Amino acid sequence: MDTTAIGTKMEGLAEQHLIAAGLRIVERNFRGRFGELDLIARDGNTLVFVEVRYRRNRMFGGAVASVDFRKQRKLIATANGYLQYRRLDCPCRFDVISIELGGRAEDLKIDWIQNAFGQ
């Protein structure tokens, strides 16, 4: 599987995880001037911008560590563009869903970090 197909599959797993937790997906793969937002969901009246990260191993800190300060700034700028584009004024948060391979190739570990960083 190529990286695009893997990314699509992992975003689908993350989406299922969020829906099972009661969130409602409002948009997927929003592309703005500064980057892309993987998933945008509603958790009650809060708009949730979700970054999905997948890693095959924990080298270099794993999936969560890959959402560094530079990536956070890009996500925040893209989210601000989304809010302006949709003319929304509501509470927001940034979540990260990390997906990593477990001990066996078919085992996936999904971690959902709510309010992972802010503006």
PDB file of N, CA and C in Angstrom:
ATOM      1  N   MET A   1       0.839  -1.180   0.000  1.00  0.00           N
ATOM      2  CA  MET A   1       0.000   0.000   0.000  1.00  0.00           C
ATOM      3  C   MET A   1       0.888   1.248   0.000  1.00  0.00           C
ATOM      4  N   ASP A   2       0.549   2.242  -0.796  1.00  0.00           N
ATOM      5  CA  ASP A   2       1.345   3.467  -0.797  1.00  0.00           C
ATOM      6  C   ASP A   2       0.946   4.368   0.377  1.00  0.00           C
ATOM      7  N   THR A   3       1.730   5.415   0.596  1.00  0.00           N
ATOM      8  CA  THR A   3       1.507   6.260   1.770  1.00  0.00           C
ATOM      9  C   THR A   3       0.157   6.967   1.746  1.00  0.00           C
ATOM     10  N   THR A   4      -0.332   7.341   0.574  1.00  0.00           N
ATOM     11  CA  THR A   4      -1.640   7.978   0.492  1.00  0.00           C
ATOM     12  C   THR A   4      -2.744   7.011   0.916  1.00  0.00           C
ATOM     13  N   ALA A   5      -2.671   5.786   0.452  1.00  0.00           N
ATOM     14  CA  ALA A   5      -3.672   4.774   0.822  1.00  0.00           C
ATOM     15  C   ALA A   5      -3.610   4.463   2.318  1.00  0.00           C
ATOM     16  N   ILE A   6      -2.402   4.382   2.849  1.00  0.00           N
ATOM     17  CA  ILE A   6      -2.255   4.136   4.290  1.00  0.00           C
ATOM     18  C   ILE A   6      -2.841   5.298   5.077  1.00  0.00           C
ATOM     19  N   GLY A   7      -2.546   6.525   4.657  1.00  0.00           N
ATOM     20  CA  GLY A   7      -3.082   7.707   5.330  1.00  0.00           C
ATOM     21  C   GLY A   7      -4.600   7.729   5.323  1.00  0.00           C
ATOM     22  N   THR A   8      -5.183   7.403   4.182  1.00  0.00           N
ATOM     23  CA  THR A   8      -6.646   7.360   4.066  1.00  0.00           C
ATOM     24  C   THR A   8      -7.227   6.305   5.004  1.00  0.00           C
ATOM     25  N   LYS A   9      -6.586   5.145   5.057  1.00  0.00           N
ATOM     26  CA  LYS A   9      -7.053   4.074   5.936  1.00  0.00           C
ATOM     27  C   LYS A   9      -6.975   4.491   7.401  1.00  0.00           C
ATOM     28  N   MET A  10      -5.876   5.122   7.804  1.00  0.00           N
ATOM     29  CA  MET A  10      -5.703   5.529   9.199  1.00  0.00           C
ATOM     30  C   MET A  10      -6.686   6.646   9.571  1.00  0.00           C
ATOM     31  N   GLU A  11      -6.932   7.561   8.654  1.00  0.00           N
ATOM     32  CA  GLU A  11      -7.925   8.605   8.922  1.00  0.00           C
ATOM     33  C   GLU A  11      -9.306   7.990   9.076  1.00  0.00           C
ATOM     34  N   GLY A  12      -9.606   6.941   8.304  1.00  0.00           N
ATOM     35  CA  GLY A  12     -10.878   6.236   8.451  1.00  0.00           C
ATOM     36  C   GLY A  12     -10.999   5.569   9.816  1.00  0.00           C
ATOM     37  N   LEU A  13      -9.910   4.963  10.291  1.00  0.00           N
ATOM     38  CA  LEU A  13      -9.918   4.358  11.632  1.00  0.00           C
ATOM     39  C   LEU A  13     -10.117   5.415  12.706  1.00  0.00           C
ATOM     40  N   ALA A  14      -9.446   6.546  12.543  1.00  0.00           N
ATOM     41  CA  ALA A  14      -9.601   7.645  13.506  1.00  0.00           C
ATOM     42  C   ALA A  14     -11.039   8.163  13.503  1.00  0.00           C
ATOM     43  N   GLU A  15     -11.600   8.290  12.323  1.00  0.00           N
ATOM     44  CA  GLU A  15     -12.984   8.752  12.205  1.00  0.00           C
ATOM     45  C   GLU A  15     -13.944   7.806  12.922  1.00  0.00           C
ATOM     46  N   GLN A  16     -13.776   6.513  12.714  1.00  0.00           N
ATOM     47  CA  GLN A  16     -14.613   5.521  13.406  1.00  0.00           C
ATOM     48  C   GLN A  16     -14.461   5.636  14.915  1.00  0.00           C
ATOM     49  N   HIS A  17     -13.247   5.865  15.370  1.00  0.00           N
ATOM     50  CA  HIS A  17     -12.976   6.005  16.802  1.00  0.00           C
ATOM     51  C   HIS A  17     -13.726   7.217  17.375  1.00  0.00           C
ATOM     52  N   LEU A  18     -13.695   8.318  16.655  1.00  0.00           N
ATOM     53  CA  LEU A  18     -14.382   9.528  17.106  1.00  0.00           C
ATOM     54  C   LEU A  18     -15.894   9.355  17.110  1.00  0.00           C
ATOM     55  N   ILE A  19     -16.428   8.748  16.069  1.00  0.00           N
ATOM     56  CA  ILE A  19     -17.871   8.524  15.982  1.00  0.00           C
ATOM     57  C   ILE A  19     -18.331   7.618  17.119  1.00  0.00           C
ATOM     58  N   ALA A  20     -17.555   6.577  17.403  1.00  0.00           N
ATOM     59  CA  ALA A  20     -17.899   5.667  18.505  1.00  0.00           C
ATOM     60  C   ALA A  20     -17.902   6.398  19.847  1.00  0.00           C
ATOM     61  N   ALA A  21     -17.115   7.468  19.947  1.00  0.00           N
ATOM     62  CA  ALA A  21     -17.056   8.255  21.181  1.00  0.00           C
ATOM     63  C   ALA A  21     -18.132   9.342  21.221  1.00  0.00           C
ATOM     64  N   GLY A  22     -18.949   9.439  20.169  1.00  0.00           N
ATOM     65  CA  GLY A  22     -20.061  10.378  20.167  1.00  0.00           C
ATOM     66  C   GLY A  22     -19.836  11.675  19.415  1.00  0.00           C
ATOM     67  N   LEU A  23     -18.701  11.831  18.757  1.00  0.00           N
ATOM     68  CA  LEU A  23     -18.474  13.038  17.968  1.00  0.00           C
ATOM     69  C   LEU A  23     -19.122  12.892  16.605  1.00  0.00           C
ATOM     70  N   ARG A  24     -19.416  14.020  15.987  1.00  0.00           N
ATOM     71  CA  ARG A  24     -20.011  14.034  14.652  1.00  0.00           C
ATOM     72  C   ARG A  24     -19.010  14.676  13.694  1.00  0.00           C
ATOM     73  N   ILE A  25     -18.650  13.945  12.652  1.00  0.00           N
ATOM     74  CA  ILE A  25     -17.696  14.449  11.664  1.00  0.00           C
ATOM     75  C   ILE A  25     -18.409  15.448  10.760  1.00  0.00           C
ATOM     76  N   VAL A  26     -17.817  16.629  10.614  1.00  0.00           N
ATOM     77  CA  VAL A  26     -18.425  17.645   9.751  1.00  0.00           C
ATOM     78  C   VAL A  26     -17.624  17.866   8.467  1.00  0.00           C
ATOM     79  N   GLU A  27     -16.337  17.526   8.488  1.00  0.00           N
ATOM     80  CA  GLU A  27     -15.541  17.702   7.276  1.00  0.00           C
ATOM     81  C   GLU A  27     -14.277  16.847   7.361  1.00  0.00           C
ATOM     82  N   ARG A  28     -13.816  16.434   6.175  1.00  0.00           N
ATOM     83  CA  ARG A  28     -12.596  15.626   6.056  1.00  0.00           C
ATOM     84  C   ARG A  28     -11.631  16.319   5.097  1.00  0.00           C
ATOM     85  N   ASN A  29     -10.377  16.282   5.430  1.00  0.00           N
ATOM     86  CA  ASN A  29      -9.305  16.760   4.549  1.00  0.00           C
ATOM     87  C   ASN A  29      -9.543  18.166   3.998  1.00  0.00           C
ATOM     88  N   PHE A  30      -9.811  19.092   4.890  1.00  0.00           N
ATOM     89  CA  PHE A  30      -9.959  20.489   4.484  1.00  0.00           C
ATOM     90  C   PHE A  30      -8.584  21.052   4.157  1.00  0.00           C
ATOM     91  N   ARG A  31      -8.435  21.585   2.960  1.00  0.00           N
ATOM     92  CA  ARG A  31      -7.159  22.166   2.543  1.00  0.00           C
ATOM     93  C   ARG A  31      -7.283  23.688   2.532  1.00  0.00           C
ATOM     94  N   GLY A  32      -6.364  24.303   3.233  1.00  0.00           N
ATOM     95  CA  GLY A  32      -6.324  25.758   3.290  1.00  0.00           C
ATOM     96  C   GLY A  32      -4.979  26.271   2.830  1.00  0.00           C
ATOM     97  N   ARG A  33      -4.795  27.542   2.956  1.00  0.00           N
ATOM     98  CA  ARG A  33      -3.573  28.201   2.501  1.00  0.00           C
ATOM     99  C   ARG A  33      -2.322  27.677   3.206  1.00  0.00           C
ATOM    100  N   PHE A  34      -2.451  27.298   4.490  1.00  0.00           N
ATOM    101  CA  PHE A  34      -1.286  26.914   5.275  1.00  0.00           C
ATOM    102  C   PHE A  34      -1.134  25.408   5.460  1.00  0.00           C
ATOM    103  N   GLY A  35      -2.110  24.633   4.980  1.00  0.00           N
ATOM    104  CA  GLY A  35      -1.993  23.194   5.135  1.00  0.00           C
ATOM    105  C   GLY A  35      -3.339  22.504   5.092  1.00  0.00           C
ATOM    106  N   GLU A  36      -3.388  21.328   5.706  1.00  0.00           N
ATOM    107  CA  GLU A  36      -4.591  20.492   5.668  1.00  0.00           C
ATOM    108  C   GLU A  36      -5.010  20.104   7.083  1.00  0.00           C
ATOM    109  N   LEU A  37      -6.318  20.064   7.271  1.00  0.00           N
ATOM    110  CA  LEU A  37      -6.908  19.552   8.508  1.00  0.00           C
ATOM    111  C   LEU A  37      -7.488  18.182   8.184  1.00  0.00           C
ATOM    112  N   ASP A  38      -7.009  17.143   8.868  1.00  0.00           N
ATOM    113  CA  ASP A  38      -7.434  15.781   8.544  1.00  0.00           C
ATOM    114  C   ASP A  38      -8.926  15.575   8.776  1.00  0.00           C
ATOM    115  N   LEU A  39      -9.376  15.879   9.989  1.00  0.00           N
ATOM    116  CA  LEU A  39     -10.792  15.710  10.338  1.00  0.00           C
ATOM    117  C   LEU A  39     -11.257  16.914  11.141  1.00  0.00           C
ATOM    118  N   ILE A  40     -12.495  17.301  10.903  1.00  0.00           N
ATOM    119  CA  ILE A  40     -13.131  18.349  11.699  1.00  0.00           C
ATOM    120  C   ILE A  40     -14.427  17.749  12.212  1.00  0.00           C
ATOM    121  N   ALA A  41     -14.608  17.835  13.528  1.00  0.00           N
ATOM    122  CA  ALA A  41     -15.760  17.183  14.153  1.00  0.00           C
ATOM    123  C   ALA A  41     -16.431  18.134  15.138  1.00  0.00           C
ATOM    124  N   ARG A  42     -17.618  17.752  15.545  1.00  0.00           N
ATOM    125  CA  ARG A  42     -18.346  18.465  16.595  1.00  0.00           C
ATOM    126  C   ARG A  42     -18.418  17.577  17.825  1.00  0.00           C
ATOM    127  N   ASP A  43     -18.070  18.136  18.946  1.00  0.00           N
ATOM    128  CA  ASP A  43     -18.221  17.493  20.248  1.00  0.00           C
ATOM    129  C   ASP A  43     -19.102  18.423  21.057  1.00  0.00           C
ATOM    130  N   GLY A  44     -20.416  18.194  20.979  1.00  0.00           N
ATOM    131  CA  GLY A  44     -21.360  19.152  21.546  1.00  0.00           C
ATOM    132  C   GLY A  44     -21.299  20.427  20.729  1.00  0.00           C
ATOM    133  N   ASN A  45     -21.057  21.567  21.408  1.00  0.00           N
ATOM    134  CA  ASN A  45     -20.962  22.827  20.668  1.00  0.00           C
ATOM    135  C   ASN A  45     -19.513  23.195  20.342  1.00  0.00           C
ATOM    136  N   THR A  46     -18.571  22.302  20.655  1.00  0.00           N
ATOM    137  CA  THR A  46     -17.154  22.553  20.392  1.00  0.00           C
ATOM    138  C   THR A  46     -16.746  21.976  19.039  1.00  0.00           C
ATOM    139  N   LEU A  47     -16.061  22.790  18.260  1.00  0.00           N
ATOM    140  CA  LEU A  47     -15.518  22.344  16.987  1.00  0.00           C
ATOM    141  C   LEU A  47     -14.133  21.761  17.268  1.00  0.00           C
ATOM    142  N   VAL A  48     -13.893  20.548  16.782  1.00  0.00           N
ATOM    143  CA  VAL A  48     -12.650  19.831  17.081  1.00  0.00           C
ATOM    144  C   VAL A  48     -11.875  19.620  15.791  1.00  0.00           C
ATOM    145  N   PHE A  49     -10.652  20.142  15.759  1.00  0.00           N
ATOM    146  CA  PHE A  49      -9.743  19.936  14.641  1.00  0.00           C
ATOM    147  C   PHE A  49      -8.844  18.762  15.023  1.00  0.00           C
ATOM    148  N   VAL A  50      -8.888  17.700  14.229  1.00  0.00           N
ATOM    149  CA  VAL A  50      -8.188  16.464  14.585  1.00  0.00           C
ATOM    150  C   VAL A  50      -7.051  16.193  13.610  1.00  0.00           C
ATOM    151  N   GLU A  51      -5.856  16.058  14.162  1.00  0.00           N
ATOM    152  CA  GLU A  51      -4.687  15.669  13.380  1.00  0.00           C
ATOM    153  C   GLU A  51      -4.457  14.179  13.606  1.00  0.00           C
ATOM    154  N   VAL A  52      -4.400  13.423  12.525  1.00  0.00           N
ATOM    155  CA  VAL A  52      -4.208  11.973  12.600  1.00  0.00           C
ATOM    156  C   VAL A  52      -2.763  11.673  12.215  1.00  0.00           C
ATOM    157  N   ARG A  53      -2.060  10.947  13.080  1.00  0.00           N
ATOM    158  CA  ARG A  53      -0.665  10.600  12.824  1.00  0.00           C
ATOM    159  C   ARG A  53      -0.474   9.099  12.940  1.00  0.00           C
ATOM    160  N   TYR A  54       0.219   8.527  11.990  1.00  0.00           N
ATOM    161  CA  TYR A  54       0.488   7.094  11.973  1.00  0.00           C
ATOM    162  C   TYR A  54       1.992   6.862  11.889  1.00  0.00           C
ATOM    163  N   ARG A  55       2.468   5.920  12.679  1.00  0.00           N
ATOM    164  CA  ARG A  55       3.867   5.515  12.621  1.00  0.00           C
ATOM    165  C   ARG A  55       3.950   4.008  12.752  1.00  0.00           C
ATOM    166  N   ARG A  56       4.862   3.419  12.016  1.00  0.00           N
ATOM    167  CA  ARG A  56       5.065   1.971  12.101  1.00  0.00           C
ATOM    168  C   ARG A  56       5.868   1.582  13.334  1.00  0.00           C
ATOM    169  N   ASN A  57       6.635   2.549  13.862  1.00  0.00           N
ATOM    170  CA  ASN A  57       7.417   2.264  15.066  1.00  0.00           C
ATOM    171  C   ASN A  57       7.574   3.553  15.867  1.00  0.00           C
ATOM    172  N   ARG A  58       8.174   3.421  17.044  1.00  0.00           N
ATOM    173  CA  ARG A  58       8.308   4.567  17.938  1.00  0.00           C
ATOM    174  C   ARG A  58       9.640   5.298  17.775  1.00  0.00           C
ATOM    175  N   MET A  59      10.370   4.971  16.717  1.00  0.00           N
ATOM    176  CA  MET A  59      11.620   5.701  16.470  1.00  0.00           C
ATOM    177  C   MET A  59      11.324   7.188  16.334  1.00  0.00           C
ATOM    178  N   PHE A  60      12.226   7.998  16.794  1.00  0.00           N
ATOM    179  CA  PHE A  60      12.095   9.454  16.731  1.00  0.00           C
ATOM    180  C   PHE A  60      10.903   9.958  17.530  1.00  0.00           C
ATOM    181  N   GLY A  61      10.465   9.209  18.551  1.00  0.00           N
ATOM    182  CA  GLY A  61       9.408   9.673  19.442  1.00  0.00           C
ATOM    183  C   GLY A  61       8.010   9.204  19.101  1.00  0.00           C
ATOM    184  N   GLY A  62       7.808   8.559  17.989  1.00  0.00           N
ATOM    185  CA  GLY A  62       6.490   8.045  17.643  1.00  0.00           C
ATOM    186  C   GLY A  62       5.587   9.090  17.024  1.00  0.00           C
ATOM    187  N   ALA A  63       4.325   8.711  16.907  1.00  0.00           N
ATOM    188  CA  ALA A  63       3.346   9.536  16.187  1.00  0.00           C
ATOM    189  C   ALA A  63       3.071  10.870  16.873  1.00  0.00           C
ATOM    190  N   VAL A  64       2.895  10.849  18.177  1.00  0.00           N
ATOM    191  CA  VAL A  64       2.555  12.085  18.896  1.00  0.00           C
ATOM    192  C   VAL A  64       3.684  13.103  18.784  1.00  0.00           C
ATOM    193  N   ALA A  65       4.923  12.646  18.917  1.00  0.00           N
ATOM    194  CA  ALA A  65       6.067  13.559  18.852  1.00  0.00           C
ATOM    195  C   ALA A  65       6.192  14.231  17.490  1.00  0.00           C
ATOM    196  N   SER A  66       5.577  13.665  16.460  1.00  0.00           N
ATOM    197  CA  SER A  66       5.680  14.260  15.131  1.00  0.00           C
ATOM    198  C   SER A  66       4.817  15.513  14.977  1.00  0.00           C
ATOM    199  N   VAL A  67       3.950  15.777  15.949  1.00  0.00           N
ATOM    200  CA  VAL A  67       3.157  17.012  15.924  1.00  0.00           C
ATOM    201  C   VAL A  67       3.936  18.052  16.725  1.00  0.00           C
ATOM    202  N   ASP A  68       5.013  18.536  16.118  1.00  0.00           N
ATOM    203  CA  ASP A  68       5.901  19.470  16.791  1.00  0.00           C
ATOM    204  C   ASP A  68       5.345  20.895  16.712  1.00  0.00           C
ATOM    205  N   PHE A  69       6.095  21.833  17.278  1.00  0.00           N
ATOM    206  CA  PHE A  69       5.648  23.224  17.337  1.00  0.00           C
ATOM    207  C   PHE A  69       5.345  23.786  15.950  1.00  0.00           C
ATOM    208  N   ARG A  70       6.207  23.488  14.983  1.00  0.00           N
ATOM    209  CA  ARG A  70       6.005  23.983  13.619  1.00  0.00           C
ATOM    210  C   ARG A  70       4.688  23.449  13.040  1.00  0.00           C
ATOM    211  N   LYS A  71       4.421  22.157  13.233  1.00  0.00           N
ATOM    212  CA  LYS A  71       3.183  21.544  12.742  1.00  0.00           C
ATOM    213  C   LYS A  71       1.978  22.152  13.455  1.00  0.00           C
ATOM    214  N   GLN A  72       2.100  22.385  14.755  1.00  0.00           N
ATOM    215  CA  GLN A  72       1.007  22.996  15.506  1.00  0.00           C
ATOM    216  C   GLN A  72       0.665  24.372  14.959  1.00  0.00           C
ATOM    217  N   ARG A  73       1.673  25.180  14.657  1.00  0.00           N
ATOM    218  CA  ARG A  73       1.444  26.524  14.112  1.00  0.00           C
ATOM    219  C   ARG A  73       0.704  26.441  12.769  1.00  0.00           C
ATOM    220  N   LYS A  74       1.088  25.479  11.930  1.00  0.00           N
ATOM    221  CA  LYS A  74       0.415  25.313  10.640  1.00  0.00           C
ATOM    222  C   LYS A  74      -1.042  24.897  10.831  1.00  0.00           C
ATOM    223  N   LEU A  75      -1.285  23.993  11.773  1.00  0.00           N
ATOM    224  CA  LEU A  75      -2.659  23.550  12.042  1.00  0.00           C
ATOM    225  C   LEU A  75      -3.509  24.703  12.572  1.00  0.00           C
ATOM    226  N   ILE A  76      -2.943  25.496  13.468  1.00  0.00           N
ATOM    227  CA  ILE A  76      -3.676  26.639  14.028  1.00  0.00           C
ATOM    228  C   ILE A  76      -3.999  27.645  12.928  1.00  0.00           C
ATOM    229  N   ALA A  77      -3.037  27.938  12.064  1.00  0.00           N
ATOM    230  CA  ALA A  77      -3.275  28.886  10.965  1.00  0.00           C
ATOM    231  C   ALA A  77      -4.343  28.356  10.012  1.00  0.00           C
ATOM    232  N   THR A  78      -4.294  27.070   9.708  1.00  0.00           N
ATOM    233  CA  THR A  78      -5.286  26.471   8.816  1.00  0.00           C
ATOM    234  C   THR A  78      -6.664  26.478   9.463  1.00  0.00           C
ATOM    235  N   ALA A  79      -6.724  26.186  10.760  1.00  0.00           N
ATOM    236  CA  ALA A  79      -8.004  26.215  11.481  1.00  0.00           C
ATOM    237  C   ALA A  79      -8.586  27.624  11.503  1.00  0.00           C
ATOM    238  N   ASN A  80      -7.752  28.623  11.711  1.00  0.00           N
ATOM    239  CA  ASN A  80      -8.239  30.005  11.671  1.00  0.00           C
ATOM    240  C   ASN A  80      -8.802  30.345  10.291  1.00  0.00           C
ATOM    241  N   GLY A  81      -8.139  29.875   9.250  1.00  0.00           N
ATOM    242  CA  GLY A  81      -8.654  30.077   7.895  1.00  0.00           C
ATOM    243  C   GLY A  81      -9.993  29.382   7.694  1.00  0.00           C
ATOM    244  N   TYR A  82     -10.121  28.175   8.244  1.00  0.00           N
ATOM    245  CA  TYR A  82     -11.383  27.430   8.145  1.00  0.00           C
ATOM    246  C   TYR A  82     -12.507  28.195   8.849  1.00  0.00           C
ATOM    247  N   LEU A  83     -12.239  28.702  10.040  1.00  0.00           N
ATOM    248  CA  LEU A  83     -13.263  29.445  10.787  1.00  0.00           C
ATOM    249  C   LEU A  83     -13.699  30.692  10.020  1.00  0.00           C
ATOM    250  N   GLN A  84     -12.758  31.378   9.413  1.00  0.00           N
ATOM    251  CA  GLN A  84     -13.101  32.559   8.614  1.00  0.00           C
ATOM    252  C   GLN A  84     -13.895  32.167   7.370  1.00  0.00           C
ATOM    253  N   TYR A  85     -13.451  31.110   6.691  1.00  0.00           N
ATOM    254  CA  TYR A  85     -14.110  30.639   5.475  1.00  0.00           C
ATOM    255  C   TYR A  85     -15.558  30.232   5.748  1.00  0.00           C
ATOM    256  N   ARG A  86     -15.771  29.540   6.847  1.00  0.00           N
ATOM    257  CA  ARG A  86     -17.121  29.076   7.215  1.00  0.00           C
ATOM    258  C   ARG A  86     -17.891  30.101   8.050  1.00  0.00           C
ATOM    259  N   ARG A  87     -17.236  31.197   8.383  1.00  0.00           N
ATOM    260  CA  ARG A  87     -17.844  32.261   9.206  1.00  0.00           C
ATOM    261  C   ARG A  87     -18.390  31.705  10.518  1.00  0.00           C
ATOM    262  N   LEU A  88     -17.517  31.015  11.226  1.00  0.00           N
ATOM    263  CA  LEU A  88     -17.884  30.377  12.487  1.00  0.00           C
ATOM    264  C   LEU A  88     -17.241  31.109  13.655  1.00  0.00           C
ATOM    265  N   ASP A  89     -17.988  31.180  14.740  1.00  0.00           N
ATOM    266  CA  ASP A  89     -17.482  31.728  15.995  1.00  0.00           C
ATOM    267  C   ASP A  89     -17.962  30.791  17.095  1.00  0.00           C
ATOM    268  N   CYS A  90     -17.132  29.832  17.460  1.00  0.00           N
ATOM    269  CA  CYS A  90     -17.540  28.822  18.435  1.00  0.00           C
ATOM    270  C   CYS A  90     -16.298  28.330  19.180  1.00  0.00           C
ATOM    271  N   PRO A  91     -16.513  27.663  20.315  1.00  0.00           N
ATOM    272  CA  PRO A  91     -15.365  27.088  21.021  1.00  0.00           C
ATOM    273  C   PRO A  91     -14.692  26.032  20.136  1.00  0.00           C
ATOM    274  N   CYS A  92     -13.371  25.980  20.198  1.00  0.00           N
ATOM    275  CA  CYS A  92     -12.598  25.037  19.379  1.00  0.00           C
ATOM    276  C   CYS A  92     -11.528  24.375  20.237  1.00  0.00           C
ATOM    277  N   ARG A  93     -11.076  23.222  19.746  1.00  0.00           N
ATOM    278  CA  ARG A  93      -9.914  22.570  20.356  1.00  0.00           C
ATOM    279  C   ARG A  93      -9.189  21.764  19.293  1.00  0.00           C
ATOM    280  N   PHE A  94      -7.955  21.423  19.611  1.00  0.00           N
ATOM    281  CA  PHE A  94      -7.112  20.627  18.720  1.00  0.00           C
ATOM    282  C   PHE A  94      -6.827  19.291  19.395  1.00  0.00           C
ATOM    283  N   ASP A  95      -7.212  18.215  18.733  1.00  0.00           N
ATOM    284  CA  ASP A  95      -6.953  16.862  19.218  1.00  0.00           C
ATOM    285  C   ASP A  95      -5.963  16.179  18.288  1.00  0.00           C
ATOM    286  N   VAL A  96      -5.249  15.211  18.828  1.00  0.00           N
ATOM    287  CA  VAL A  96      -4.354  14.386  18.026  1.00  0.00           C
ATOM    288  C   VAL A  96      -4.742  12.935  18.247  1.00  0.00           C
ATOM    289  N   ILE A  97      -4.907  12.206  17.164  1.00  0.00           N
ATOM    290  CA  ILE A  97      -5.093  10.755  17.252  1.00  0.00           C
ATOM    291  C   ILE A  97      -3.838  10.128  16.672  1.00  0.00           C
ATOM    292  N   SER A  98      -3.127   9.393  17.537  1.00  0.00           N
ATOM    293  CA  SER A  98      -1.929   8.707  17.073  1.00  0.00           C
ATOM    294  C   SER A  98      -2.241   7.231  16.907  1.00  0.00           C
ATOM    295  N   ILE A  99      -1.767   6.692  15.824  1.00  0.00           N
ATOM    296  CA  ILE A  99      -1.961   5.275  15.525  1.00  0.00           C
ATOM    297  C   ILE A  99      -0.580   4.679  15.278  1.00  0.00           C
ATOM    298  N   GLU A 100      -0.258   3.662  16.053  1.00  0.00           N
ATOM    299  CA  GLU A 100       1.041   3.004  15.919  1.00  0.00           C
ATOM    300  C   GLU A 100       0.838   1.507  15.869  1.00  0.00           C
ATOM    301  N   LEU A 101       1.743   0.841  15.187  1.00  0.00           N
ATOM    302  CA  LEU A 101       1.711  -0.614  15.165  1.00  0.00           C
ATOM    303  C   LEU A 101       2.037  -1.142  16.550  1.00  0.00           C
ATOM    304  N   GLY A 102       1.347  -2.214  16.929  1.00  0.00           N
ATOM    305  CA  GLY A 102       1.634  -2.882  18.184  1.00  0.00           C
ATOM    306  C   GLY A 102       2.718  -3.916  17.998  1.00  0.00           C
ATOM    307  N   GLY A 103       2.719  -4.939  18.844  1.00  0.00           N
ATOM    308  CA  GLY A 103       3.718  -5.995  18.773  1.00  0.00           C
ATOM    309  C   GLY A 103       3.660  -6.790  17.482  1.00  0.00           C
ATOM    310  N   ARG A 104       2.459  -6.987  16.951  1.00  0.00           N
ATOM    311  CA  ARG A 104       2.291  -7.708  15.683  1.00  0.00           C
ATOM    312  C   ARG A 104       1.776  -6.728  14.636  1.00  0.00           C
ATOM    313  N   ALA A 105       2.002  -7.052  13.390  1.00  0.00           N
ATOM    314  CA  ALA A 105       1.633  -6.143  12.295  1.00  0.00           C
ATOM    315  C   ALA A 105       0.143  -5.827  12.278  1.00  0.00           C
ATOM    316  N   GLU A 106      -0.688  -6.759  12.722  1.00  0.00           N
ATOM    317  CA  GLU A 106      -2.134  -6.513  12.684  1.00  0.00           C
ATOM    318  C   GLU A 106      -2.656  -5.765  13.920  1.00  0.00           C
ATOM    319  N   ASP A 107      -1.790  -5.564  14.913  1.00  0.00           N
ATOM    320  CA  ASP A 107      -2.179  -4.847  16.135  1.00  0.00           C
ATOM    321  C   ASP A 107      -1.914  -3.356  15.975  1.00  0.00           C
ATOM    322  N   LEU A 108      -2.944  -2.558  16.165  1.00  0.00           N
ATOM    323  CA  LEU A 108      -2.786  -1.112  16.120  1.00  0.00           C
ATOM    324  C   LEU A 108      -3.117  -0.534  17.485  1.00  0.00           C
ATOM    325  N   LYS A 109      -2.326   0.430  17.894  1.00  0.00           N
ATOM    326  CA  LYS A 109      -2.562   1.138  19.149  1.00  0.00           C
ATOM    327  C   LYS A 109      -3.061   2.530  18.791  1.00  0.00           C
ATOM    328  N   ILE A 110      -4.277   2.860  19.242  1.00  0.00           N
ATOM    329  CA  ILE A 110      -4.861   4.165  18.952  1.00  0.00           C
ATOM    330  C   ILE A 110      -4.923   4.968  20.248  1.00  0.00           C
ATOM    331  N   ASP A 111      -4.288   6.129  20.242  1.00  0.00           N
ATOM    332  CA  ASP A 111      -4.338   7.058  21.375  1.00  0.00           C
ATOM    333  C   ASP A 111      -4.994   8.345  20.910  1.00  0.00           C
ATOM    334  N   TRP A 112      -5.946   8.809  21.701  1.00  0.00           N
ATOM    335  CA  TRP A 112      -6.658  10.045  21.385  1.00  0.00           C
ATOM    336  C   TRP A 112      -6.299  11.067  22.454  1.00  0.00           C
ATOM    337  N   ILE A 113      -5.597  12.096  22.050  1.00  0.00           N
ATOM    338  CA  ILE A 113      -5.196  13.148  22.970  1.00  0.00           C
ATOM    339  C   ILE A 113      -6.092  14.350  22.713  1.00  0.00           C
ATOM    340  N   GLN A 114      -6.987  14.592  23.645  1.00  0.00           N
ATOM    341  CA  GLN A 114      -7.912  15.708  23.505  1.00  0.00           C
ATOM    342  C   GLN A 114      -7.227  16.990  24.005  1.00  0.00           C
ATOM    343  N   ASN A 115      -7.537  18.083  23.344  1.00  0.00           N
ATOM    344  CA  ASN A 115      -6.968  19.391  23.699  1.00  0.00           C
ATOM    345  C   ASN A 115      -5.441  19.292  23.776  1.00  0.00           C
ATOM    346  N   ALA A 116      -4.851  18.723  22.729  1.00  0.00           N
ATOM    347  CA  ALA A 116      -3.417  18.429  22.690  1.00  0.00           C
ATOM    348  C   ALA A 116      -2.553  19.693  22.709  1.00  0.00           C
ATOM    349  N   PHE A 117      -3.055  20.755  22.143  1.00  0.00           N
ATOM    350  CA  PHE A 117      -2.340  22.045  22.137  1.00  0.00           C
ATOM    351  C   PHE A 117      -3.367  23.113  21.847  1.00  0.00           C
ATOM    352  N   GLY A 118      -2.997  24.348  22.026  1.00  0.00           N
ATOM    353  CA  GLY A 118      -3.953  25.433  21.803  1.00  0.00           C
ATOM    354  C   GLY A 118      -3.306  26.645  21.181  1.00  0.00           C
ATOM    355  N   GLN A 119      -4.136  27.640  20.995  1.00  0.00           N
ATOM    356  CA  GLN A 119      -3.674  28.877  20.363  1.00  0.00           C
ATOM    357  C   GLN A 119      -2.979  29.744  21.356  1.00  0.00           C
TER     358      GLN A 119
END
